[in-house]
Amino acid sequence: MSASQATGPGPEAPGDEVQTGFPSYLFTQGAWFLAFGLQMVLFPYLVRVVLQENEIRFGLAQMSMQLPTVLLILLGGYAADRTDTRLTVLAGCGLCALSFLGLGVFVAGGHLTYATLIL
């Protein structure tokens, strides 16, 4: 048995590399966890430090962060099964980026309110 046969299955020739999409998967997982982590830190900071809300309103604000997931999870699953996944993800990411841009505009302009933050 030669050394090339002992290494197991692999590309036939140097130019015949199989693309798995694993780097793209790792990037999207990292981006999701980065965005999720920032949201878990930034949102409470805005409610408690910037807006100086009390404990009750702080708890309600944290509860409101989970409300879209509860309300839209079935609709999202339905849409994911029946639409082009790539376009759905692009539209979702675009809307998310626009919401953060709008939040940044409110914070920079000094017009951030509790109701705006909840919406």
Protein backbone atom coordinates (compact mmCIF):
# COMPACT_ATOMS: atom_id res chain seq x y z
CA MET A 1 0.00 0.00 0.00
CA SER A 2 1.43 3.38 -0.95
CA ALA A 3 1.45 6.47 1.25
CA SER A 4 -1.27 8.17 -0.83
CA GLN A 5 -3.58 5.18 -0.41
CA ALA A 6 -3.02 5.01 3.36
CA THR A 7 -4.20 8.57 3.99
CA GLY A 8 -7.80 7.77 3.11
CA PRO A 9 -10.25 9.48 0.81
CA GLY A 10 -9.42 12.92 -0.43
CA PRO A 11 -9.22 15.06 -3.53
CA GLU A 12 -8.05 13.27 -6.63
CA ALA A 13 -5.79 16.10 -7.79
CA PRO A 14 -4.56 19.33 -6.16
CA GLY A 15 -7.20 21.40 -8.00
CA ASP A 16 -10.12 19.07 -7.12
CA GLU A 17 -10.82 20.36 -3.60
CA VAL A 18 -14.29 19.72 -2.24
CA GLN A 19 -16.02 22.83 -0.89
CA THR A 20 -18.04 22.08 2.22
CA GLY A 21 -19.30 25.54 3.14
CA PHE A 22 -17.93 25.05 6.65
CA PRO A 23 -16.12 28.44 6.74
CA SER A 24 -19.40 30.15 5.83
CA TYR A 25 -21.16 28.21 8.56
CA LEU A 26 -18.57 29.25 11.13
CA PHE A 27 -18.82 32.88 10.05
CA THR A 28 -22.61 32.96 10.34
CA GLN A 29 -22.53 31.24 13.73
CA GLY A 30 -19.93 33.72 14.98
CA ALA A 31 -21.90 36.69 13.64
CA TRP A 32 -25.09 35.44 15.26
CA PHE A 33 -23.43 34.93 18.65
CA LEU A 34 -21.74 38.34 18.41
CA ALA A 35 -25.05 40.07 17.67
CA PHE A 36 -26.84 38.10 20.38
CA GLY A 37 -24.14 38.91 22.93
CA LEU A 38 -24.19 42.60 22.08
CA GLN A 39 -27.96 42.67 22.41
CA MET A 40 -27.81 40.97 25.81
CA VAL A 41 -25.38 43.64 27.06
CA LEU A 42 -26.48 46.76 25.20
CA PHE A 43 -30.24 46.52 25.76
CA PRO A 44 -30.08 46.35 29.57
CA TYR A 45 -27.46 49.13 29.55
CA LEU A 46 -29.77 51.39 27.56
CA VAL A 47 -32.73 50.68 29.85
CA ARG A 48 -30.96 50.99 33.22
CA VAL A 49 -28.14 53.48 32.59
CA VAL A 50 -29.25 55.68 29.71
CA LEU A 51 -33.00 55.78 30.43
CA GLN A 52 -32.64 55.17 34.21
CA GLU A 53 -35.80 53.06 34.41
CA ASN A 54 -36.92 51.29 37.60
CA GLU A 55 -36.77 47.53 38.20
CA ILE A 56 -40.34 46.83 37.07
CA ARG A 57 -39.90 48.59 33.72
CA PHE A 58 -36.50 46.95 33.34
CA GLY A 59 -38.06 43.50 33.76
CA LEU A 60 -40.82 44.33 31.30
CA ALA A 61 -38.24 45.54 28.79
CA GLN A 62 -36.28 42.30 29.10
CA MET A 63 -39.49 40.31 28.68
CA SER A 64 -40.28 42.29 25.54
CA MET A 65 -36.98 41.16 24.00
CA GLN A 66 -38.31 37.57 23.88
CA LEU A 67 -41.79 38.47 22.64
CA PRO A 68 -40.92 38.54 18.89
CA THR A 69 -39.50 35.03 19.16
CA VAL A 70 -42.62 33.71 20.84
CA LEU A 71 -44.96 35.40 18.38
CA LEU A 72 -43.05 34.88 15.15
CA ILE A 73 -41.46 31.43 15.53
CA LEU A 74 -44.32 29.58 13.84
CA LEU A 75 -44.62 32.16 11.08
CA GLY A 76 -40.86 32.00 10.54
CA GLY A 77 -40.93 28.21 10.26
CA TYR A 78 -43.81 28.38 7.80
CA ALA A 79 -41.99 30.97 5.68
CA ALA A 80 -38.70 29.06 5.83
CA ASP A 81 -40.33 25.94 4.42
CA ARG A 82 -42.04 27.76 1.54
CA THR A 83 -39.72 30.55 0.41
CA ASP A 84 -36.21 30.94 -0.91
CA THR A 85 -34.02 30.62 2.18
CA ARG A 86 -31.27 32.89 0.91
CA LEU A 87 -33.67 35.77 0.20
CA THR A 88 -35.43 35.28 3.54
CA VAL A 89 -32.14 35.47 5.44
CA LEU A 90 -31.01 38.52 3.48
CA ALA A 91 -34.31 40.30 4.13
CA GLY A 92 -34.19 39.44 7.84
CA CYS A 93 -30.60 40.62 8.23
CA GLY A 94 -31.38 43.81 6.31
CA LEU A 95 -34.38 44.60 8.53
CA CYS A 96 -32.31 43.88 11.62
CA ALA A 97 -29.55 46.20 10.45
CA LEU A 98 -32.10 48.94 9.73
CA SER A 99 -33.57 48.60 13.21
CA PHE A 100 -30.13 48.98 14.80
CA LEU A 101 -29.39 51.95 12.57
CA GLY A 102 -32.65 53.56 13.67
CA LEU A 103 -31.82 52.86 17.31
CA GLY A 104 -28.43 54.49 16.82
CA VAL A 105 -30.06 57.56 15.30
CA PHE A 106 -32.42 57.86 18.29
CA VAL A 107 -29.56 57.48 20.78
CA ALA A 108 -27.31 59.95 18.95
CA GLY A 109 -30.12 62.49 18.66
CA GLY A 110 -31.07 62.16 22.33
CA HIS A 111 -34.64 61.12 21.46
CA LEU A 112 -34.52 57.60 22.89
CA THR A 113 -37.58 56.80 25.01
CA TYR A 114 -38.72 53.65 26.77
CA ALA A 115 -41.49 53.06 24.21
CA THR A 116 -39.07 53.52 21.32
CA LEU A 117 -36.68 51.03 22.82
CA ILE A 118 -39.44 48.46 23.33
CA LEU A 119 -40.60 48.83 19.73
